[in-house]
């Protein structure tokens, strides 16, 4: 029997399927060979790692230390240069400041002199104005005392004098005194309180020494002339009568007489 008979008996569709399978297998083999060749080429392209020995490590470490040392020296030099620049700037500023102060020193002295002179003049004018006002007040006060004395001394004759006229004179004096006291108070001028208080030699002048039983020794018995102070500074000393020390012998005589 002839061997080619089964092949001739194979259908055409079967042969086509076999040819397609063989073609795909052949293509797969070709692609596999290309992938292997590419992998071999990639492995060949990777450079071989250089061999590292102890000498190379020591050389590289020494070079690194030298580089770090040079960087440190450069940083130190820059820091020193910066410090010198800051010191020079500070010195320059101080010199400029001293120069400006030296240049302005005459102006400052002139300003202080002018301020002190102006303050002294203002104080002198204020003191003179206050002294004048105090003199006026004392005059008005004496007039008020005199008017009251006249009214009291009239006695029965006051019935023949218009009472309203006398009262008007006294009230006018009192009104003037109140206005002057208000003006002085607004300027900080205060009367020095003396009556019944210990004698203060820095604020009072003892005009007369008297003997009194109702006032302690060394205290003010009467105020002869009122004193004034401006913000604690004495403008006019108070003139007072003070109680002096009693004689011990006289006290004994008084006790025996009692």
Protein backbone atom coordinates (compact mmCIF):
# COMPACT_ATOMS: atom_id res chain seq x y z
CA UNK A 1 0.00 0.00 0.00
CA UNK A 2 1.32 3.40 -0.89
CA UNK A 3 2.35 5.69 2.18
CA UNK A 4 1.36 8.91 0.47
CA UNK A 5 -2.24 7.92 0.31
CA UNK A 6 -3.18 9.15 3.85
CA UNK A 7 -1.54 12.49 3.19
CA UNK A 8 -3.44 12.84 0.04
CA UNK A 9 -6.55 11.91 1.93
CA UNK A 10 -6.04 14.78 4.52
CA UNK A 11 -8.60 17.51 4.06
CA UNK A 12 -7.45 20.94 2.90
CA UNK A 13 -8.78 22.63 6.08
CA UNK A 14 -6.63 20.40 8.25
CA UNK A 15 -3.52 21.18 6.34
CA UNK A 16 -4.17 24.91 6.66
CA UNK A 17 -4.56 24.59 10.45
CA UNK A 18 -1.32 22.66 10.74
CA UNK A 19 0.50 25.28 8.68
CA UNK A 20 -0.82 28.06 10.96
CA UNK A 21 0.35 26.24 14.08
CA UNK A 22 3.78 25.66 12.60
CA UNK A 23 4.03 29.29 11.54
CA UNK A 24 3.15 30.53 15.09
CA UNK A 25 5.65 28.13 16.64
CA UNK A 26 8.33 29.26 14.25
CA UNK A 27 7.58 32.93 15.11
CA UNK A 28 7.78 32.16 18.82
CA UNK A 29 11.16 30.54 18.37
CA UNK A 30 12.44 33.55 16.47
CA UNK A 31 11.19 35.98 19.17
CA UNK A 32 12.72 33.83 21.91
CA UNK A 33 16.11 33.93 20.20
CA UNK A 34 15.90 37.75 19.88
CA UNK A 35 15.00 38.19 23.59
CA UNK A 36 17.91 36.00 24.64
CA UNK A 37 20.31 37.93 22.42
CA UNK A 38 19.06 41.26 23.92
CA UNK A 39 19.52 39.94 27.46
CA UNK A 40 23.05 38.83 26.66
CA UNK A 41 23.81 42.25 25.14
CA UNK A 42 22.41 44.01 28.27
CA UNK A 43 24.52 41.87 30.55
CA UNK A 44 27.57 42.60 28.43
CA UNK A 45 26.79 46.36 28.58
CA UNK A 46 26.84 46.47 32.42
CA UNK A 47 30.31 47.68 33.41
CA UNK A 48 32.21 45.49 35.71
CA UNK A 49 32.62 46.82 39.25
CA UNK A 50 36.11 48.07 39.85
CA UNK A 51 38.14 46.30 42.39
CA UNK A 52 38.55 48.29 45.68
CA UNK A 53 41.53 47.68 47.89
CA UNK A 54 42.69 49.16 51.24
CA UNK A 55 45.11 51.56 49.57
CA UNK A 56 42.29 53.08 47.53
CA UNK A 57 40.09 53.47 50.63
CA UNK A 58 42.90 55.18 52.58
CA UNK A 59 43.66 57.52 49.67
CA UNK A 60 40.02 58.52 49.28
CA UNK A 61 39.60 59.03 53.06
CA UNK A 62 42.73 61.20 53.19
CA UNK A 63 41.46 63.30 50.28
CA UNK A 64 38.07 63.72 52.00
CA UNK A 65 39.72 64.84 55.25
CA UNK A 66 41.84 67.32 53.38
CA UNK A 67 38.78 68.74 51.63
CA UNK A 68 36.89 69.04 54.91
CA UNK A 69 39.89 70.72 56.51
CA UNK A 70 40.14 73.21 53.67
CA UNK A 71 36.42 73.96 53.96
CA UNK A 72 36.80 74.48 57.72
CA UNK A 73 39.72 76.83 57.19
CA UNK A 74 37.74 78.75 54.63
CA UNK A 75 34.79 79.04 57.03
CA UNK A 76 37.05 80.17 59.85
CA UNK A 77 38.65 82.78 57.61
CA UNK A 78 35.23 84.04 56.53
CA UNK A 79 34.08 84.18 60.17
CA UNK A 80 37.20 86.11 61.19
CA UNK A 81 36.71 88.47 58.29
CA UNK A 82 33.09 89.01 59.29
CA UNK A 83 34.09 89.66 62.90
CA UNK A 84 36.67 92.21 61.74
CA UNK A 85 34.05 93.88 59.57
CA UNK A 86 31.56 94.05 62.46
CA UNK A 87 34.24 95.40 64.80
CA UNK A 88 35.24 98.01 62.28
CA UNK A 89 31.62 99.02 61.76
CA UNK A 90 31.06 99.30 65.53
CA UNK A 91 34.20 101.39 65.92
CA UNK A 92 33.10 103.63 63.09
CA UNK A 93 29.67 104.13 64.61
CA UNK A 94 31.22 105.00 67.98
CA UNK A 95 33.56 107.49 66.36
CA UNK A 96 30.68 109.09 64.49
CA UNK A 97 28.65 109.22 67.71
CA UNK A 98 31.52 110.84 69.59
CA UNK A 99 32.02 113.29 66.77
CA UNK A 100 28.36 114.24 66.75
CA UNK A 101 28.35 114.65 70.54
CA UNK A 102 31.46 116.82 70.36
CA UNK A 103 29.91 118.89 67.61
CA UNK A 104 26.61 119.28 69.48
CA UNK A 105 28.18 119.89 72.89
CA UNK A 106 28.27 123.72 72.51
CA UNK A 107 24.65 123.70 71.38
CA UNK A 108 23.62 121.56 74.35
CA UNK A 109 25.44 123.88 76.77
CA UNK A 110 23.79 126.89 75.18
CA UNK A 111 20.40 125.19 75.38
CA UNK A 112 20.87 124.37 79.07
CA UNK A 113 22.08 127.88 79.81
CA UNK A 114 19.12 129.41 78.01
CA UNK A 115 16.71 127.05 79.79
CA UNK A 116 18.15 127.84 83.21
CA UNK A 117 18.13 131.56 82.50
CA UNK A 118 14.55 131.46 81.26
CA UNK A 119 13.47 129.38 84.26
CA UNK A 120 15.19 131.81 86.63
CA UNK A 121 13.51 134.77 84.98
CA UNK A 122 10.11 133.13 85.11
CA UNK A 123 10.62 132.21 88.75
CA UNK A 124 11.73 135.74 89.56
CA UNK A 125 8.71 137.22 87.78
CA UNK A 126 6.37 134.78 89.47
CA UNK A 127 7.91 135.47 92.87
CA UNK A 128 7.64 139.23 92.31
CA UNK A 129 4.02 138.89 91.22
CA UNK A 130 3.20 136.74 94.25
CA UNK A 131 4.96 139.14 96.61
CA UNK A 132 2.96 142.02 95.18
CA UNK A 133 -0.27 140.07 95.52
CA UNK A 134 0.60 139.13 99.11
CA UNK A 135 1.25 142.78 99.93
CA UNK A 136 -2.11 143.69 98.47
CA UNK A 137 -3.72 140.94 100.48
CA UNK A 138 -2.13 142.14 103.69
CA UNK A 139 -3.36 145.68 102.99
CA UNK A 140 -6.90 144.45 102.34
CA UNK A 141 -6.77 142.27 105.44
CA UNK A 142 -5.72 145.25 107.57
CA UNK A 143 -8.58 147.23 106.02
CA UNK A 144 -11.04 144.46 106.87
CA UNK A 145 -9.81 144.32 110.48
CA UNK A 146 -10.04 148.09 110.73
CA UNK A 147 -13.59 148.10 109.29
CA UNK A 148 -14.68 145.46 111.79
CA UNK A 149 -13.04 147.45 114.58
CA UNK A 150 -14.85 150.58 113.52
CA UNK A 151 -18.16 148.75 113.42
CA UNK A 152 -17.59 147.36 116.90
CA UNK A 153 -16.32 150.66 118.33
CA UNK A 154 -19.41 152.60 117.30
CA UNK A 155 -21.41 151.15 120.14
CA UNK A 156 -24.75 152.88 120.52
CA UNK A 157 -23.81 155.32 117.75
CA UNK A 158 -24.14 152.57 115.13
CA UNK A 159 -27.91 153.20 115.27
CA UNK A 160 -27.29 156.55 113.63
CA UNK A 161 -25.16 155.03 110.85
CA UNK A 162 -26.57 153.00 108.01
CA UNK A 163 -25.85 149.40 109.01
CA UNK A 164 -25.99 148.17 105.43
CA UNK A 165 -23.20 150.56 104.48
CA UNK A 166 -20.85 149.22 107.18
CA UNK A 167 -21.75 145.62 106.33
CA UNK A 168 -21.09 146.33 102.65
CA UNK A 169 -17.60 147.63 103.41
CA UNK A 170 -16.73 144.57 105.51
CA UNK A 171 -18.23 142.16 102.95
CA UNK A 172 -16.28 143.89 100.16
CA UNK A 173 -13.01 143.34 102.03
CA UNK A 174 -13.88 139.69 102.64
CA UNK A 175 -14.80 139.15 98.99
CA UNK A 176 -11.49 140.65 97.84
CA UNK A 177 -9.60 138.41 100.28
CA UNK A 178 -11.38 135.30 99.00
CA UNK A 179 -10.57 136.14 95.38
CA UNK A 180 -6.91 136.75 96.17
CA UNK A 181 -6.70 133.51 98.13
CA UNK A 182 -8.24 131.63 95.19
CA UNK A 183 -5.71 133.16 92.78
CA UNK A 184 -2.82 132.22 95.08
CA UNK A 185 -4.15 128.71 95.56
CA UNK A 186 -4.40 128.20 91.78
CA UNK A 187 -0.66 129.00 91.55
CA UNK A 188 0.24 126.52 94.27
CA UNK A 189 0.79 129.16 96.96
CA UNK A 190 -0.30 127.91 100.37
CA UNK A 191 -0.21 129.63 103.77
CA UNK A 192 2.16 128.15 106.33
CA UNK A 193 0.22 126.67 109.22
CA UNK A 194 1.77 127.94 112.44
CA UNK A 195 -0.79 128.41 115.20
CA UNK A 196 -0.19 125.99 118.07
CA UNK A 197 2.53 124.09 116.20
CA UNK A 198 6.22 123.66 117.10
CA UNK A 199 8.49 126.45 115.90
CA UNK A 200 10.11 125.52 112.57
CA UNK A 201 13.19 127.71 112.00
CA UNK A 202 13.17 126.86 108.29
CA UNK A 203 9.66 128.27 107.85
CA UNK A 204 9.14 130.66 110.76
CA UNK A 205 10.80 133.67 112.34
CA UNK A 206 10.27 134.22 116.04
CA UNK A 207 9.63 137.92 116.58
CA UNK A 208 8.69 137.74 120.24
CA UNK A 209 8.96 135.23 123.06
CA UNK A 210 6.06 135.11 125.49
CA UNK A 211 5.01 133.09 128.51
CA UNK A 212 1.73 131.20 128.10
CA UNK A 213 0.14 128.48 130.16
CA UNK A 214 -2.26 127.30 127.44
CA UNK A 215 0.45 126.67 124.82
CA UNK A 216 3.36 124.23 125.25
CA UNK A 217 6.90 125.48 125.39
CA UNK A 218 8.53 125.95 121.98
CA UNK A 219 5.18 126.25 120.21
CA UNK A 220 3.63 129.18 118.35
CA UNK A 221 1.35 131.28 120.49
CA UNK A 222 0.28 133.89 117.91
CA UNK A 223 0.91 134.63 114.23
CA UNK A 224 2.03 138.19 113.67
CA UNK A 225 2.44 137.91 109.92
CA UNK A 226 1.30 134.98 107.84
CA UNK A 227 3.92 133.07 105.84
CA UNK A 228 3.50 131.42 102.43
CA UNK A 229 5.13 128.57 100.51
CA UNK A 230 5.11 127.74 96.80
CA UNK A 231 5.08 123.97 96.22
CA UNK A 232 6.96 123.46 99.48
CA UNK A 233 9.45 126.30 98.86
CA UNK A 234 9.18 129.17 101.34
CA UNK A 235 8.26 132.47 99.70
CA UNK A 236 7.66 134.46 102.84
CA UNK A 237 8.62 133.42 106.35
CA UNK A 238 5.91 133.46 108.96
CA UNK A 239 6.49 135.91 111.81
CA UNK A 240 5.26 134.47 115.10
CA UNK A 241 5.21 134.78 118.85
CA UNK A 242 6.59 131.68 120.51
CA UNK A 243 6.30 130.38 124.02
CA UNK A 244 9.70 130.45 125.71
CA UNK A 245 11.17 128.43 128.53
CA UNK A 246 9.84 129.39 131.92
CA UNK A 247 12.24 130.37 134.69
CA UNK A 248 12.49 127.53 137.23
CA UNK A 249 12.84 129.98 140.12
CA UNK A 250 9.77 131.88 139.00
CA UNK A 251 7.83 128.63 138.71
CA UNK A 252 8.72 127.76 142.28
CA UNK A 253 7.62 131.22 143.45
CA UNK A 254 4.35 130.82 141.60
CA UNK A 255 3.81 127.43 143.19
CA UNK A 256 4.50 128.81 146.70
CA UNK A 257 2.22 131.74 146.05
CA UNK A 258 -0.53 129.33 145.00
